[in-house]
N, C-alpha and C. Protein backbone atom coordinates (compact mmCIF):
# COMPACT_ATOMS: atom_id res chain seq x y z
N UNK A 1 -99.56 88.98 -37.37
CA UNK A 1 -101.35 87.92 -37.20
C UNK A 1 -100.55 86.56 -37.80
N UNK A 2 -101.45 85.32 -37.74
CA UNK A 2 -101.39 83.76 -38.15
C UNK A 2 -102.34 84.08 -39.15
N UNK A 3 -102.46 83.04 -40.25
CA UNK A 3 -102.90 83.04 -40.77
C UNK A 3 -102.60 81.09 -41.33
N UNK A 4 -104.09 80.86 -41.40
CA UNK A 4 -104.29 79.22 -41.19
C UNK A 4 -105.36 79.17 -42.27
N UNK A 5 -105.33 77.60 -42.34
CA UNK A 5 -106.68 77.35 -43.78
C UNK A 5 -107.14 75.96 -43.25
N UNK A 6 -108.41 75.83 -42.37
CA UNK A 6 -109.20 75.04 -41.94
C UNK A 6 -109.53 74.15 -43.72
N UNK A 7 -109.51 72.64 -43.46
CA UNK A 7 -109.86 71.98 -44.74
C UNK A 7 -110.72 70.63 -44.24
N UNK A 8 -112.29 70.50 -43.56
CA UNK A 8 -112.83 70.12 -43.68
C UNK A 8 -113.99 70.28 -44.49
N UNK A 9 -115.07 68.76 -44.87
CA UNK A 9 -115.70 69.01 -45.47
C UNK A 9 -117.11 68.99 -44.40
N UNK A 10 -117.43 69.14 -43.44
CA UNK A 10 -118.30 69.66 -42.83
C UNK A 10 -117.91 70.87 -41.74
N UNK A 11 -119.42 71.88 -41.90
CA UNK A 11 -118.92 73.24 -41.73
C UNK A 11 -119.09 73.32 -40.16
N UNK A 12 -120.19 72.91 -39.56
CA UNK A 12 -119.76 72.55 -37.96
C UNK A 12 -118.99 72.33 -37.29
N UNK A 13 -117.84 71.27 -37.83
CA UNK A 13 -117.15 71.20 -37.14
C UNK A 13 -116.09 72.02 -37.78
N UNK A 14 -115.62 72.70 -38.80
CA UNK A 14 -114.83 74.18 -38.72
C UNK A 14 -115.47 74.43 -38.22
N UNK A 15 -116.19 75.28 -37.81
CA UNK A 15 -116.74 76.58 -37.11
C UNK A 15 -116.05 75.75 -35.69
N UNK A 16 -116.51 74.89 -35.04
CA UNK A 16 -115.54 74.51 -33.59
C UNK A 16 -114.44 75.28 -33.66
N UNK A 17 -113.55 74.40 -34.61
CA UNK A 17 -112.29 74.81 -34.61
C UNK A 17 -111.71 76.08 -34.80
N UNK A 18 -112.23 76.59 -36.07
CA UNK A 18 -112.11 78.42 -35.68
C UNK A 18 -112.76 79.19 -34.10
N UNK A 19 -113.40 78.63 -33.55
CA UNK A 19 -113.77 79.02 -32.50
C UNK A 19 -113.09 79.12 -30.55
N UNK A 20 -112.16 77.38 -31.18
CA UNK A 20 -111.50 76.82 -30.56
C UNK A 20 -109.83 78.02 -30.31
N UNK A 21 -109.40 78.69 -31.92
CA UNK A 21 -108.51 79.15 -31.68
C UNK A 21 -108.93 80.76 -31.80
N UNK A 22 -109.76 81.50 -32.10
CA UNK A 22 -110.12 82.48 -31.90
C UNK A 22 -110.21 82.26 -29.99
N UNK A 23 -110.75 82.15 -29.61
CA UNK A 23 -111.36 81.67 -27.96
C UNK A 23 -109.99 81.05 -27.31
N UNK A 24 -108.94 81.30 -27.72
CA UNK A 24 -107.72 81.01 -26.74
C UNK A 24 -107.01 81.72 -26.76
N UNK A 25 -106.75 82.31 -26.46
CA UNK A 25 -106.25 83.71 -26.45
C UNK A 25 -104.88 83.79 -26.67
N UNK A 26 -103.78 82.58 -26.86
CA UNK A 26 -102.83 81.96 -26.58
C UNK A 26 -101.97 82.58 -27.96
N UNK A 27 -102.44 82.35 -29.33
CA UNK A 27 -101.80 83.03 -30.56
C UNK A 27 -102.45 84.21 -31.00
N UNK A 28 -103.07 85.19 -30.55
CA UNK A 28 -103.25 86.09 -31.13
C UNK A 28 -104.08 85.99 -31.75
N UNK A 29 -103.83 87.82 -32.97
CA UNK A 29 -104.82 87.25 -34.29
C UNK A 29 -105.30 86.13 -35.11
N UNK A 30 -106.07 85.39 -35.36
CA UNK A 30 -106.16 84.59 -36.46
C UNK A 30 -106.40 85.14 -37.48
N UNK A 31 -106.22 85.03 -38.76
CA UNK A 31 -106.89 85.10 -40.15
C UNK A 31 -107.24 83.73 -40.39
N UNK A 32 -107.92 83.12 -40.53
CA UNK A 32 -109.08 82.05 -40.86
C UNK A 32 -109.54 82.10 -42.01
N UNK A 33 -109.12 80.53 -43.12
CA UNK A 33 -110.13 80.50 -43.99
C UNK A 33 -110.11 79.12 -44.22
N UNK A 34 -111.17 78.36 -45.06
CA UNK A 34 -112.28 76.91 -44.83
C UNK A 34 -112.00 76.66 -46.41
N UNK A 35 -111.83 75.43 -46.56
CA UNK A 35 -112.38 75.10 -48.01
C UNK A 35 -112.53 73.42 -47.13
N UNK A 36 -113.41 72.79 -48.26
CA UNK A 36 -114.78 71.91 -47.77
C UNK A 36 -114.33 70.84 -48.58
N UNK A 37 -113.09 71.04 -49.26
CA UNK A 37 -112.31 70.02 -50.78
C UNK A 37 -110.94 70.21 -50.20
N UNK A 38 -110.53 68.75 -50.62
CA UNK A 38 -109.14 68.79 -50.86
C UNK A 38 -108.81 69.43 -52.53
N UNK A 39 -109.24 69.34 -52.91
CA UNK A 39 -109.49 70.25 -54.43
C UNK A 39 -109.48 71.65 -54.11
N UNK A 40 -110.39 71.94 -53.56
CA UNK A 40 -110.55 73.67 -52.84
C UNK A 40 -108.74 73.81 -52.41
N UNK A 41 -108.78 73.17 -50.82
CA UNK A 41 -107.33 73.27 -50.65
C UNK A 41 -106.47 73.69 -51.72
N UNK A 42 -106.26 72.85 -52.40
CA UNK A 42 -105.08 72.69 -53.52
C UNK A 42 -105.34 74.20 -53.86
N UNK A 43 -105.90 74.63 -54.80
CA UNK A 43 -106.37 75.54 -55.29
C UNK A 43 -105.86 76.47 -54.84
N UNK A 44 -106.17 76.77 -53.03
CA UNK A 44 -106.26 78.11 -52.62
C UNK A 44 -104.76 78.05 -52.03
N UNK A 45 -103.98 76.88 -51.49
CA UNK A 45 -102.71 76.64 -51.61
C UNK A 45 -101.62 77.22 -52.45
N UNK A 46 -102.38 76.71 -53.83
CA UNK A 46 -101.29 77.11 -54.90
C UNK A 46 -101.28 78.54 -55.43
N UNK A 47 -102.32 79.61 -54.56
CA UNK A 47 -102.83 80.91 -55.12
C UNK A 47 -102.04 81.70 -53.22
N UNK A 48 -101.84 81.07 -52.73
CA UNK A 48 -101.51 81.95 -51.23
C UNK A 48 -100.24 80.99 -49.81
N UNK A 49 -99.67 81.35 -49.38
CA UNK A 49 -99.25 80.68 -48.12
C UNK A 49 -100.21 80.68 -46.55
N UNK A 50 -100.37 79.76 -45.99
CA UNK A 50 -100.91 79.91 -44.66
C UNK A 50 -100.36 79.64 -43.52
N UNK A 51 -99.69 80.30 -42.69
CA UNK A 51 -98.43 79.34 -41.16
C UNK A 51 -98.89 78.27 -41.12
N UNK A 52 -100.68 77.78 -40.80
CA UNK A 52 -100.89 76.49 -40.77
C UNK A 52 -101.89 75.72 -41.70
N UNK A 53 -101.74 74.76 -41.89
CA UNK A 53 -103.23 73.69 -42.54
C UNK A 53 -103.20 72.68 -42.17
N UNK A 54 -105.20 72.88 -41.33
CA UNK A 54 -105.50 72.17 -40.36
C UNK A 54 -106.06 71.12 -41.68
N UNK A 55 -106.09 69.47 -41.52
CA UNK A 55 -106.56 69.45 -42.79
C UNK A 55 -106.95 68.03 -42.48
N UNK A 56 -108.50 67.71 -42.65
CA UNK A 56 -108.80 66.82 -41.71
C UNK A 56 -109.05 65.47 -43.05
N UNK A 57 -108.41 64.44 -43.15
CA UNK A 57 -108.47 62.81 -43.48
C UNK A 57 -109.44 62.33 -44.37
N UNK A 58 -110.64 62.06 -43.81
CA UNK A 58 -111.61 61.78 -44.21
C UNK A 58 -112.60 63.05 -45.04
N UNK A 59 -112.64 63.13 -46.85
CA UNK A 59 -112.87 63.98 -47.66
C UNK A 59 -113.72 63.32 -48.68
N UNK A 60 -114.95 63.89 -49.42
CA UNK A 60 -115.29 63.23 -50.32
C UNK A 60 -114.12 64.03 -51.43
N UNK A 61 -113.79 62.72 -52.71
CA UNK A 61 -113.23 62.93 -53.17
C UNK A 61 -111.77 62.68 -52.96
N UNK A 62 -110.69 63.72 -52.87
CA UNK A 62 -109.41 63.34 -52.26
C UNK A 62 -108.97 62.95 -50.83
N UNK A 63 -109.10 62.91 -50.24
CA UNK A 63 -108.86 62.17 -48.75
C UNK A 63 -107.55 62.85 -48.99
N UNK A 64 -107.78 63.15 -47.41
CA UNK A 64 -106.39 64.06 -46.90
C UNK A 64 -105.12 63.51 -47.02
N UNK A 65 -104.43 62.44 -47.10
CA UNK A 65 -103.02 61.71 -47.24
C UNK A 65 -102.92 62.12 -49.20
N UNK A 66 -103.82 62.22 -49.78
CA UNK A 66 -103.79 62.71 -51.01
C UNK A 66 -103.82 64.10 -51.05
N UNK A 67 -103.89 64.43 -50.11
CA UNK A 67 -103.38 65.63 -50.41
C UNK A 67 -101.90 66.15 -49.71
N UNK A 68 -102.07 65.57 -48.99
CA UNK A 68 -100.96 65.83 -48.51
C UNK A 68 -99.95 65.36 -49.66
N UNK A 69 -100.12 64.60 -50.29
CA UNK A 69 -98.97 63.86 -51.10
C UNK A 69 -99.32 65.16 -52.31
N UNK A 70 -99.77 65.70 -52.76
CA UNK A 70 -100.35 66.61 -53.62
C UNK A 70 -99.42 68.00 -53.36
N UNK A 71 -99.78 67.85 -52.22
CA UNK A 71 -98.67 69.26 -51.61
C UNK A 71 -97.19 69.05 -51.77
N UNK A 72 -96.73 67.99 -51.42
CA UNK A 72 -95.15 67.46 -51.49
C UNK A 72 -94.54 67.29 -53.01
N UNK A 73 -95.60 66.79 -53.78
CA UNK A 73 -95.19 66.85 -55.44
C UNK A 73 -95.14 68.29 -55.95
N UNK A 74 -96.09 68.95 -55.62
CA UNK A 74 -96.03 70.42 -56.71
C UNK A 74 -95.16 71.71 -55.39
N UNK A 75 -94.64 70.85 -54.42
CA UNK A 75 -93.46 71.28 -53.88
C UNK A 75 -94.55 72.77 -53.48
N UNK A 76 -95.69 72.98 -52.26
CA UNK A 76 -96.56 73.86 -51.88
C UNK A 76 -95.94 73.88 -50.49
N UNK A 77 -95.53 74.66 -50.37
CA UNK A 77 -95.17 75.31 -48.69
C UNK A 77 -96.62 75.47 -48.05
N UNK A 78 -96.30 74.44 -46.76
CA UNK A 78 -97.62 74.05 -46.29
C UNK A 78 -96.81 73.39 -45.26
N UNK A 79 -97.43 74.17 -43.80
CA UNK A 79 -97.20 73.04 -42.55
C UNK A 79 -97.96 72.49 -42.21
N UNK A 80 -99.04 71.18 -42.25
CA UNK A 80 -100.06 70.72 -42.06
C UNK A 80 -100.07 69.67 -40.71
N UNK A 81 -101.45 70.40 -39.92
CA UNK A 81 -101.38 69.59 -39.52
C UNK A 81 -102.98 68.47 -39.28
N UNK A 82 -102.88 67.53 -39.30
CA UNK A 82 -103.92 66.49 -39.76
C UNK A 82 -104.53 66.43 -38.23
N UNK A 83 -106.09 66.29 -38.97
CA UNK A 83 -107.37 66.54 -37.88
C UNK A 83 -107.99 64.61 -38.48
N UNK A 84 -108.42 64.02 -37.94
CA UNK A 84 -108.96 62.50 -38.53
C UNK A 84 -109.73 61.82 -36.90
N UNK A 85 -110.95 61.52 -37.58
CA UNK A 85 -111.68 60.70 -36.63
C UNK A 85 -111.40 59.29 -36.31
N UNK A 86 -109.98 58.78 -37.08
CA UNK A 86 -109.18 57.82 -36.50
C UNK A 86 -107.93 57.93 -35.65
N UNK A 87 -108.36 56.40 -34.91
CA UNK A 87 -106.64 56.51 -34.37
C UNK A 87 -105.27 56.48 -34.71
N UNK A 88 -104.63 56.94 -34.04
CA UNK A 88 -103.20 57.22 -34.70
C UNK A 88 -102.74 56.20 -34.95
N UNK A 89 -102.85 54.67 -34.77
CA UNK A 89 -102.21 53.89 -35.15
C UNK A 89 -102.54 53.68 -36.73
N UNK A 90 -103.60 54.33 -37.04
CA UNK A 90 -104.64 54.11 -38.35
C UNK A 90 -103.84 54.48 -39.43
N UNK A 91 -102.92 55.91 -39.49
CA UNK A 91 -102.61 57.03 -40.08
C UNK A 91 -101.41 57.85 -40.03
N UNK A 92 -101.42 57.41 -38.58
CA UNK A 92 -100.62 58.83 -37.78
C UNK A 92 -99.14 58.90 -38.73
N UNK A 93 -98.54 57.73 -38.72
CA UNK A 93 -97.27 57.70 -38.94
C UNK A 93 -96.54 57.87 -40.89
N UNK A 94 -98.38 57.27 -41.37
CA UNK A 94 -98.45 57.71 -42.70
C UNK A 94 -98.50 58.79 -42.73
N UNK A 95 -99.80 59.71 -42.24
CA UNK A 95 -99.19 61.42 -42.55
C UNK A 95 -98.11 62.00 -42.28
N UNK A 96 -97.55 61.40 -41.45
CA UNK A 96 -96.22 62.14 -40.96
C UNK A 96 -95.20 61.99 -42.12
N UNK A 97 -95.22 60.56 -42.91
CA UNK A 97 -94.43 60.40 -43.53
C UNK A 97 -94.58 60.69 -44.81
N UNK A 98 -95.77 61.37 -45.39
CA UNK A 98 -95.87 62.34 -46.36
C UNK A 98 -95.84 64.00 -45.75
N UNK A 99 -95.31 64.08 -44.87
CA UNK A 99 -95.09 65.50 -45.01
C UNK A 99 -95.63 66.33 -43.58
N UNK A 100 -96.67 65.60 -43.26
CA UNK A 100 -97.83 66.22 -41.76
C UNK A 100 -96.38 66.54 -40.79
N UNK A 101 -97.03 67.72 -40.13
CA UNK A 101 -96.46 68.33 -38.70
C UNK A 101 -96.80 67.70 -37.95
N UNK A 102 -97.92 67.31 -37.53
CA UNK A 102 -98.63 66.71 -36.85
C UNK A 102 -99.76 65.94 -37.31
N UNK A 103 -100.73 64.59 -36.39
CA UNK A 103 -101.11 64.13 -36.47
C UNK A 103 -102.44 64.18 -35.10
N UNK A 104 -103.49 65.17 -35.14
CA UNK A 104 -104.30 64.99 -34.19
C UNK A 104 -105.61 63.92 -34.49
N UNK A 105 -106.14 63.80 -32.97
CA UNK A 105 -107.82 62.66 -33.33
C UNK A 105 -108.80 63.97 -32.87
N UNK A 106 -109.89 63.79 -33.47
CA UNK A 106 -110.70 65.10 -33.09
C UNK A 106 -111.00 64.57 -32.13
N UNK A 107 -111.20 63.36 -30.89
CA UNK A 107 -111.59 63.32 -29.84
C UNK A 107 -110.95 64.34 -29.38
N UNK A 108 -109.73 64.88 -29.50
CA UNK A 108 -108.62 65.26 -28.71
C UNK A 108 -108.09 66.60 -29.05
N UNK A 109 -109.15 66.78 -29.99
CA UNK A 109 -108.69 68.04 -30.75
C UNK A 109 -109.21 69.66 -30.09
N UNK A 110 -109.99 69.64 -28.99
CA UNK A 110 -109.76 70.62 -28.54
C UNK A 110 -109.31 70.67 -27.19
N UNK A 111 -108.72 69.91 -26.30
CA UNK A 111 -107.71 70.70 -25.71
C UNK A 111 -106.12 69.98 -25.98
N UNK A 112 -105.90 69.59 -27.67
CA UNK A 112 -104.15 69.58 -28.36
C UNK A 112 -104.39 70.67 -28.97
N UNK A 113 -105.64 71.23 -29.73
CA UNK A 113 -105.23 72.34 -31.34
C UNK A 113 -104.10 73.12 -30.90
N UNK A 114 -104.63 74.33 -29.86
CA UNK A 114 -103.79 75.04 -29.23
C UNK A 114 -102.24 74.63 -29.26
N UNK A 115 -101.99 73.75 -28.69
CA UNK A 115 -100.64 73.77 -28.19
C UNK A 115 -100.02 72.85 -29.81
N UNK A 116 -100.24 72.22 -30.36
CA UNK A 116 -100.09 71.87 -31.60
C UNK A 116 -99.89 72.94 -33.00
N UNK A 117 -100.46 73.55 -32.57
CA UNK A 117 -100.42 74.85 -33.49
C UNK A 117 -99.26 76.11 -33.05
N UNK A 118 -99.10 76.23 -31.55
CA UNK A 118 -97.93 76.54 -31.59
C UNK A 118 -96.77 75.82 -31.41
N UNK A 119 -96.64 74.32 -31.58
CA UNK A 119 -94.94 74.10 -31.65
C UNK A 119 -95.57 74.18 -33.53
N UNK A 120 -96.25 73.53 -34.07
CA UNK A 120 -95.64 73.78 -35.39
C UNK A 120 -95.47 75.57 -35.94
N UNK A 121 -96.01 76.27 -35.86
CA UNK A 121 -95.46 77.59 -35.78
C UNK A 121 -93.64 77.99 -35.38
N UNK A 122 -93.60 77.29 -34.13
CA UNK A 122 -92.26 77.34 -33.83
C UNK A 122 -91.36 76.32 -34.82
N UNK A 123 -92.04 75.73 -35.81
CA UNK A 123 -90.57 75.13 -36.51
C UNK A 123 -91.00 73.88 -36.37
N UNK A 124 -91.50 73.33 -35.26
CA UNK A 124 -91.55 72.09 -34.29
C UNK A 124 -92.26 70.78 -34.66
N UNK A 125 -92.57 69.90 -34.66
CA UNK A 125 -93.40 69.08 -34.79
C UNK A 125 -94.09 68.65 -33.51
N UNK A 126 -95.65 68.09 -33.82
CA UNK A 126 -96.67 67.95 -33.18
C UNK A 126 -96.77 66.36 -33.06
N UNK A 127 -95.85 65.52 -31.91
CA UNK A 127 -95.94 64.38 -32.11
C UNK A 127 -96.61 63.38 -30.35
N UNK A 128 -97.96 63.22 -30.36
CA UNK A 128 -98.27 62.74 -28.49
C UNK A 128 -96.98 61.70 -28.51
N UNK A 129 -97.09 61.38 -27.18
CA UNK A 129 -96.51 59.85 -26.82
C UNK A 129 -96.92 58.86 -27.10
N UNK A 130 -98.17 58.30 -28.32
CA UNK A 130 -98.32 57.23 -28.58
C UNK A 130 -97.94 57.33 -29.82
N UNK A 131 -98.00 58.40 -30.69
CA UNK A 131 -97.01 58.24 -31.70
C UNK A 131 -95.63 58.25 -31.74
N UNK A 132 -95.04 58.65 -30.87
CA UNK A 132 -93.41 58.45 -31.32
C UNK A 132 -92.97 57.12 -30.45
N UNK A 133 -93.96 56.30 -29.49
CA UNK A 133 -93.79 55.34 -29.32
C UNK A 133 -94.00 54.57 -30.92
N UNK A 134 -94.24 54.52 -31.65
CA UNK A 134 -95.17 53.89 -33.04
C UNK A 134 -93.77 54.01 -34.02
N UNK A 135 -93.37 55.98 -33.80
CA UNK A 135 -91.85 55.67 -34.74
C UNK A 135 -90.65 55.07 -33.84
N UNK A 136 -90.34 54.90 -32.28
CA UNK A 136 -89.33 53.84 -32.18
C UNK A 136 -89.12 52.87 -32.72
N UNK A 137 -91.11 52.40 -32.19
CA UNK A 137 -91.01 50.74 -33.10
C UNK A 137 -90.39 50.67 -34.36
N UNK A 138 -90.71 51.72 -35.49
CA UNK A 138 -90.51 51.42 -36.77
C UNK A 138 -89.45 51.63 -37.12
N UNK A 139 -88.61 52.21 -36.52
CA UNK A 139 -86.80 53.15 -36.11
C UNK A 139 -86.22 50.97 -36.27
N UNK A 140 -86.71 50.98 -34.88
CA UNK A 140 -85.86 49.78 -34.38
C UNK A 140 -86.67 48.27 -35.08
N UNK A 141 -87.54 48.26 -36.25
CA UNK A 141 -87.87 47.27 -36.95
C UNK A 141 -88.72 46.18 -36.04
N UNK A 142 -89.60 47.04 -35.17
CA UNK A 142 -90.44 46.59 -34.29
C UNK A 142 -92.34 46.26 -34.91
N UNK A 143 -91.90 46.96 -35.55
CA UNK A 143 -93.53 47.31 -36.22
C UNK A 143 -94.37 46.31 -37.25
N UNK A 144 -95.18 45.90 -35.89
CA UNK A 144 -95.80 45.20 -36.00
C UNK A 144 -96.82 45.90 -37.26
N UNK A 145 -98.51 44.81 -38.01
CA UNK A 145 -99.11 46.05 -38.53
C UNK A 145 -100.33 45.19 -38.57
N UNK A 146 -101.54 45.60 -37.61
CA UNK A 146 -102.97 44.46 -38.34
C UNK A 146 -103.18 44.66 -40.11
N UNK A 147 -104.04 43.96 -40.40
CA UNK A 147 -104.17 44.03 -41.40
C UNK A 147 -105.59 45.10 -42.28
N UNK A 148 -105.86 45.86 -41.09
CA UNK A 148 -107.12 47.10 -41.41
C UNK A 148 -106.04 48.16 -41.58
N UNK A 149 -104.83 47.71 -40.76
CA UNK A 149 -103.99 48.97 -41.02
C UNK A 149 -102.86 49.17 -42.51
N UNK A 150 -103.37 48.05 -43.32
CA UNK A 150 -102.22 48.79 -44.63
C UNK A 150 -103.76 49.06 -45.66
N UNK A 151 -105.14 49.55 -44.98
CA UNK A 151 -105.69 49.78 -46.11
C UNK A 151 -105.57 51.35 -46.48
N UNK A 152 -105.72 51.70 -47.58
CA UNK A 152 -105.68 52.94 -47.77
C UNK A 152 -106.99 53.26 -47.09
N UNK A 153 -106.99 54.93 -47.06
CA UNK A 153 -107.99 56.03 -46.41
C UNK A 153 -109.98 55.06 -46.67
N UNK A 154 -109.69 55.58 -48.45
CA UNK A 154 -110.59 54.85 -48.35
C UNK A 154 -111.56 53.68 -48.82
N UNK A 155 -110.20 52.78 -48.72
CA UNK A 155 -110.70 51.70 -48.40
C UNK A 155 -111.29 50.72 -46.90
N UNK A 156 -111.08 51.68 -46.19
CA UNK A 156 -110.63 51.34 -44.58
C UNK A 156 -111.96 52.43 -44.48
N UNK A 157 -112.18 53.82 -44.92
CA UNK A 157 -114.10 54.05 -45.08
C UNK A 157 -115.22 52.90 -45.50
N UNK A 158 -114.80 52.58 -46.38
CA UNK A 158 -115.75 51.46 -47.43
C UNK A 158 -115.92 50.57 -45.98
N UNK A 159 -114.65 49.69 -46.01
CA UNK A 159 -115.27 48.56 -44.57
C UNK A 159 -115.97 48.46 -43.35
N UNK A 160 -116.00 50.09 -42.81
CA UNK A 160 -116.18 50.35 -42.16
C UNK A 160 -118.05 50.88 -42.29
N UNK A 161 -117.91 51.56 -43.07
CA UNK A 161 -119.05 51.54 -43.21
C UNK A 161 -120.00 50.07 -43.95
N UNK A 162 -119.56 49.38 -44.24
CA UNK A 162 -120.24 47.95 -44.66
C UNK A 162 -120.28 47.59 -43.17
N UNK A 163 -118.96 47.24 -43.02
CA UNK A 163 -119.76 46.76 -41.20
C UNK A 163 -120.37 47.30 -40.25
N UNK A 164 -121.22 48.42 -40.10
CA UNK A 164 -121.87 49.32 -39.46
C UNK A 164 -123.40 49.17 -40.66
N UNK A 165 -123.12 48.23 -41.77
CA UNK A 165 -124.97 48.15 -42.12
C UNK A 165 -125.09 48.69 -43.48
N UNK A 166 -124.33 49.86 -43.90
CA UNK A 166 -124.90 50.26 -44.50
C UNK A 166 -124.78 49.94 -45.94
N UNK A 167 -126.19 49.44 -47.14
CA UNK A 167 -125.83 49.34 -48.06
C UNK A 167 -124.05 49.80 -49.38
N UNK A 168 -124.19 49.95 -50.73
CA UNK A 168 -122.99 49.86 -51.61
C UNK A 168 -123.30 51.15 -51.98
N UNK A 169 -124.99 51.39 -52.51
CA UNK A 169 -125.61 53.02 -52.62
C UNK A 169 -125.00 53.78 -51.23
N UNK A 170 -125.80 53.57 -49.86
CA UNK A 170 -125.55 54.22 -49.34
C UNK A 170 -124.45 54.45 -49.07
N UNK A 171 -123.59 54.18 -48.81
CA UNK A 171 -121.67 54.06 -48.73
C UNK A 171 -120.97 55.15 -50.35
N UNK A 172 -121.79 54.98 -51.43
CA UNK A 172 -121.75 55.90 -52.39
C UNK A 172 -122.23 57.05 -52.48
N UNK A 173 -122.91 57.43 -51.72
CA UNK A 173 -124.19 58.85 -51.62
C UNK A 173 -123.02 59.27 -50.68
N UNK A 174 -122.61 58.32 -48.48
CA UNK A 174 -122.24 58.82 -47.90
C UNK A 174 -120.79 59.94 -48.87
N UNK A 175 -120.03 59.13 -49.40
CA UNK A 175 -118.77 59.39 -49.84
C UNK A 175 -118.18 60.20 -51.48
N UNK A 176 -119.77 60.47 -51.49
CA UNK A 176 -119.55 60.53 -52.96
C UNK A 176 -118.60 60.41 -54.02
N UNK A 177 -118.61 58.39 -53.79
CA UNK A 177 -117.92 58.28 -55.30
C UNK A 177 -119.53 56.99 -55.82
N UNK A 178 -119.06 56.24 -57.54
CA UNK A 178 -120.02 56.02 -57.41
C UNK A 178 -119.92 54.36 -56.97
N UNK A 179 -121.02 53.57 -56.96
CA UNK A 179 -121.06 51.93 -56.64
C UNK A 179 -120.32 51.79 -57.46
N UNK A 180 -120.01 51.70 -58.42
CA UNK A 180 -118.44 50.45 -58.81
C UNK A 180 -117.38 50.84 -57.95
N UNK A 181 -116.76 51.71 -57.88
CA UNK A 181 -116.03 52.33 -56.73
C UNK A 181 -116.13 51.56 -55.91
N UNK A 182 -117.00 51.68 -55.22
CA UNK A 182 -117.11 50.96 -54.31
C UNK A 182 -116.82 49.61 -53.50
N UNK A 183 -117.28 48.96 -55.01
CA UNK A 183 -117.61 47.49 -54.79
C UNK A 183 -115.70 47.19 -55.33
N UNK A 184 -115.27 47.98 -55.62
CA UNK A 184 -113.63 48.00 -56.38
C UNK A 184 -112.81 48.15 -55.21
N UNK A 185 -113.10 49.11 -53.98
CA UNK A 185 -112.29 49.35 -52.39
C UNK A 185 -112.66 48.07 -51.66
N UNK A 186 -113.94 47.46 -51.85
CA UNK A 186 -114.42 46.36 -51.00
C UNK A 186 -113.02 45.76 -51.04
N UNK A 187 -113.45 45.09 -52.46
CA UNK A 187 -112.39 44.02 -53.41
C UNK A 187 -110.65 43.96 -52.77
N UNK A 188 -110.33 45.43 -53.18
CA UNK A 188 -109.35 45.28 -52.94
C UNK A 188 -108.68 45.40 -50.84
N UNK A 189 -109.86 45.74 -50.73
CA UNK A 189 -109.64 45.79 -48.79
C UNK A 189 -110.13 44.28 -48.32
N UNK A 190 -110.80 43.72 -48.75
CA UNK A 190 -110.70 42.16 -48.29
C UNK A 190 -109.41 41.39 -48.98
N UNK A 191 -109.11 41.45 -50.27
CA UNK A 191 -107.40 40.68 -50.60
C UNK A 191 -106.54 41.64 -49.21
N UNK A 192 -106.16 42.05 -48.78
CA UNK A 192 -105.36 43.36 -48.57
C UNK A 192 -105.70 42.28 -46.84
N UNK A 193 -107.06 42.32 -46.13
CA UNK A 193 -106.95 41.46 -45.23
C UNK A 193 -107.27 39.84 -45.19
N UNK A 194 -106.82 39.38 -46.53
CA UNK A 194 -107.43 38.38 -46.54
C UNK A 194 -108.60 37.43 -45.49
N UNK A 195 -109.82 38.20 -46.40
CA UNK A 195 -110.72 38.28 -45.69
C UNK A 195 -112.03 37.41 -47.00
N UNK A 196 -112.45 37.03 -47.45
CA UNK A 196 -113.69 35.90 -48.42
C UNK A 196 -115.17 36.66 -48.55
N UNK A 197 -115.25 37.38 -47.46
CA UNK A 197 -117.12 37.73 -47.40
C UNK A 197 -117.38 38.88 -46.69
N UNK A 198 -118.62 39.70 -46.76
CA UNK A 198 -119.16 40.74 -45.48
C UNK A 198 -119.23 40.24 -44.39
N UNK A 199 -119.70 38.84 -44.66
CA UNK A 199 -120.02 38.28 -43.09
C UNK A 199 -118.56 38.46 -41.83
N UNK A 200 -117.09 37.86 -42.86
CA UNK A 200 -116.28 38.00 -42.12
C UNK A 200 -115.28 39.53 -41.71
N UNK A 201 -115.90 40.22 -42.81
CA UNK A 201 -115.18 41.71 -42.38
C UNK A 201 -116.19 42.41 -41.52
N UNK A 202 -117.57 41.93 -41.43
CA UNK A 202 -118.33 42.47 -40.23
C UNK A 202 -117.64 41.52 -38.83
N UNK A 203 -117.12 40.99 -38.84
CA UNK A 203 -116.48 39.31 -37.64
C UNK A 203 -115.29 40.39 -37.23
N UNK A 204 -114.75 40.75 -38.22
CA UNK A 204 -112.67 41.09 -37.99
C UNK A 204 -113.51 42.84 -37.19
N UNK A 205 -113.99 43.64 -38.12
CA UNK A 205 -114.25 44.82 -37.43
C UNK A 205 -114.72 45.02 -36.22
N UNK A 206 -115.96 43.81 -35.96
CA UNK A 206 -115.92 44.27 -34.45
C UNK A 206 -115.61 43.73 -33.39
N UNK A 207 -114.93 42.83 -33.74
CA UNK A 207 -113.47 42.11 -32.78
C UNK A 207 -112.44 43.45 -32.88
N UNK A 208 -112.60 43.82 -33.42
CA UNK A 208 -111.53 44.74 -33.57
C UNK A 208 -111.59 46.54 -33.34
N UNK A 209 -113.08 46.09 -32.98
CA UNK A 209 -113.52 47.83 -32.61
C UNK A 209 -113.52 49.14 -33.98
N UNK A 210 -113.32 48.24 -34.91
CA UNK A 210 -114.08 49.17 -35.88
C UNK A 210 -115.30 50.16 -36.06
N UNK A 211 -115.96 49.45 -35.39
CA UNK A 211 -117.15 50.21 -36.11
C UNK A 211 -118.01 50.48 -34.43
N UNK A 212 -118.64 51.65 -33.99
CA UNK A 212 -119.18 52.53 -32.86
C UNK A 212 -120.18 51.21 -32.21
């Protein structure tokens, strides 16, 4: 029997992933547990071992990348597939550098998930052609980086929400952080991107397709 842990703060999405895994027929019997925060996932991983962990990047509290780093720091045995709403260009390489066995965007999860899980169970990594190209370019020293790709997960979430018109209070509620933390992440992001105001940030976000 394959054991898996799904870590995502959206119950409906966890249910969808569970359904894909159970109905595929390609993985045999799958025993699935769930966690809705990074902290809960780390507690589970400290007590038991799973064959594969499916980890969302964007969650309240600890981000998926922070969870990956903790898994590595604590020496926990975990083969992790990262699931993300963000494009591969944003976080795939960083996730892999921090120990992930693969990176899947949530838009492609329903066609890629079973294949990715099977490869990870076989001890291989799941790397899409796009991510493979990024890895080759980085090895060759050709990897350019847009300003927003230098942001942390939380900084990136904050600027996207600002660009979509959300207030500081709304952002704090959505991300389960304080209003002062929102202001701090905003200031860090503006500095890293060499922007001076929300107006410049919104123009940048629209130009680079960071808002829906």
